[in-house]
C-alpha atoms as a PDB file:
ATOM      1  CA  MET A   1     -77.661   1.801  46.224  1.00  0.00           C
ATOM      2  CA  GLY A   2     -77.961   0.174  49.537  1.00  0.00           C
ATOM      3  CA  SER A   3     -78.041   3.135  51.756  1.00  0.00           C
ATOM      4  CA  ALA A   4     -80.442   5.052  49.425  1.00  0.00           C
ATOM      5  CA  TYR A   5     -82.774   1.842  49.538  1.00  0.00           C
ATOM      6  CA  LEU A   6     -82.729   1.679  53.365  1.00  0.00           C
ATOM      7  CA  ILE A   7     -83.996   5.339  53.666  1.00  0.00           C
ATOM      8  CA  LYS A   8     -86.436   4.639  50.890  1.00  0.00           C
ATOM      9  CA  ARG A   9     -85.087   7.170  48.417  1.00  0.00           C
ATOM     10  CA  ASP A  10     -83.589   4.774  45.916  1.00  0.00           C
ATOM     11  CA  ASP A  11     -85.947   6.317  43.161  1.00  0.00           C
ATOM     12  CA  GLU A  12     -83.956   9.563  43.406  1.00  0.00           C
ATOM     13  CA  LEU A  13     -80.583   8.686  45.015  1.00  0.00           C
ATOM     14  CA  GLY A  14     -77.760   6.185  45.047  1.00  0.00           C
ATOM     15  CA  SER A  15     -76.987   5.861  41.442  1.00  0.00           C
ATOM     16  CA  ILE A  16     -76.088   7.983  38.504  1.00  0.00           C
ATOM     17  CA  GLU A  17     -79.115   7.586  36.173  1.00  0.00           C
ATOM     18  CA  VAL A  18     -81.435   9.855  34.316  1.00  0.00           C
ATOM     19  CA  GLY A  19     -83.854  11.758  36.709  1.00  0.00           C
ATOM     20  CA  LYS A  20     -81.693  11.140  39.858  1.00  0.00           C
ATOM     21  CA  TYR A  21     -79.817  13.673  41.901  1.00  0.00           C
ATOM     22  CA  ALA A  22     -76.286  13.599  40.829  1.00  0.00           C
ATOM     23  CA  ASP A  23     -73.571  14.044  43.562  1.00  0.00           C
ATOM     24  CA  PHE A  24     -70.219  13.076  42.814  1.00  0.00           C
ATOM     25  CA  THR A  25     -66.556  14.224  42.810  1.00  0.00           C
ATOM     26  CA  ILE A  26     -64.039  14.092  39.915  1.00  0.00           C
ATOM     27  CA  LEU A  27     -60.604  13.386  41.155  1.00  0.00           C
ATOM     28  CA  ALA A  28     -57.131  13.820  39.322  1.00  0.00           C
ATOM     29  CA  ASP A  29     -56.269  10.171  40.073  1.00  0.00           C
ATOM     30  CA  SER A  30     -58.084   6.886  40.958  1.00  0.00           C
ATOM     31  CA  PRO A  31     -57.706   6.069  44.831  1.00  0.00           C
ATOM     32  CA  LEU A  32     -57.584   2.469  43.588  1.00  0.00           C
ATOM     33  CA  ARG A  33     -54.381   2.966  41.588  1.00  0.00           C
ATOM     34  CA  VAL A  34     -52.141   5.124  43.984  1.00  0.00           C
ATOM     35  CA  ASP A  35     -50.355   4.250  47.063  1.00  0.00           C
ATOM     36  CA  PRO A  36     -52.874   4.216  49.994  1.00  0.00           C
ATOM     37  CA  MET A  37     -50.873   6.915  51.734  1.00  0.00           C
ATOM     38  CA  ALA A  38     -51.027   9.238  48.759  1.00  0.00           C
ATOM     39  CA  ILE A  39     -54.836   9.033  48.604  1.00  0.00           C
ATOM     40  CA  LYS A  40     -55.213  12.174  50.815  1.00  0.00           C
ATOM     41  CA  ASP A  41     -52.901  14.003  48.318  1.00  0.00           C
ATOM     42  CA  ILE A  42     -55.198  13.499  45.106  1.00  0.00           C
ATOM     43  CA  ALA A  43     -56.518  16.722  43.785  1.00  0.00           C
ATOM     44  CA  VAL A  44     -60.039  17.302  43.558  1.00  0.00           C
ATOM     45  CA  LEU A  45     -60.939  18.638  40.039  1.00  0.00           C
ATOM     46  CA  ALA A  46     -64.657  19.108  40.376  1.00  0.00           C
ATOM     47  CA  THR A  47     -67.616  18.519  42.822  1.00  0.00           C
ATOM     48  CA  VAL A  48     -71.246  18.250  41.656  1.00  0.00           C
ATOM     49  CA  VAL A  49     -74.275  18.080  44.022  1.00  0.00           C
ATOM     50  CA  ALA A  50     -77.665  17.637  42.828  1.00  0.00           C
ATOM     51  CA  GLY A  51     -76.495  17.828  39.134  1.00  0.00           C
ATOM     52  CA  GLN A  52     -75.013  21.270  39.692  1.00  0.00           C
ATOM     53  CA  PRO A  53     -71.252  22.055  39.801  1.00  0.00           C
ATOM     54  CA  VAL A  54     -70.379  23.629  43.159  1.00  0.00           C
ATOM     55  CA  ALA A  55     -66.675  23.469  43.043  1.00  0.00           C
ATOM     56  CA  GLY A  56     -63.882  23.157  40.233  1.00  0.00           C
ATOM     57  CA  ARG A  57     -63.272  25.081  37.057  1.00  0.00           C
ATOM     58  CA  SER A  58     -66.803  25.129  35.580  1.00  0.00           C
ATOM     59  CA  THR A  59     -67.829  27.232  38.967  1.00  0.00           C
ATOM     60  CA  ALA A  60     -64.975  29.771  38.719  1.00  0.00           C
ATOM     61  CA  THR A  61     -66.082  33.309  38.345  1.00  0.00           C
ATOM     62  CA  PRO A  62     -64.353  35.389  35.486  1.00  0.00           C
ATOM     63  CA  THR A  63     -62.258  38.357  36.484  1.00  0.00           C
END
């Protein structure tokens, strides 16, 4: 929350809490558990911005 605090927006940003904007990415593996050289190869499963899915399976348009 340090950066959100510094810009005086820690009431709406900086952590995953009820009432705050939810910006996060769901990865297929943990960057802490793979070889550092393999981090770039971890698949992104979903991305959520301001609480709304913007990429991933839930945003796919049915054909």
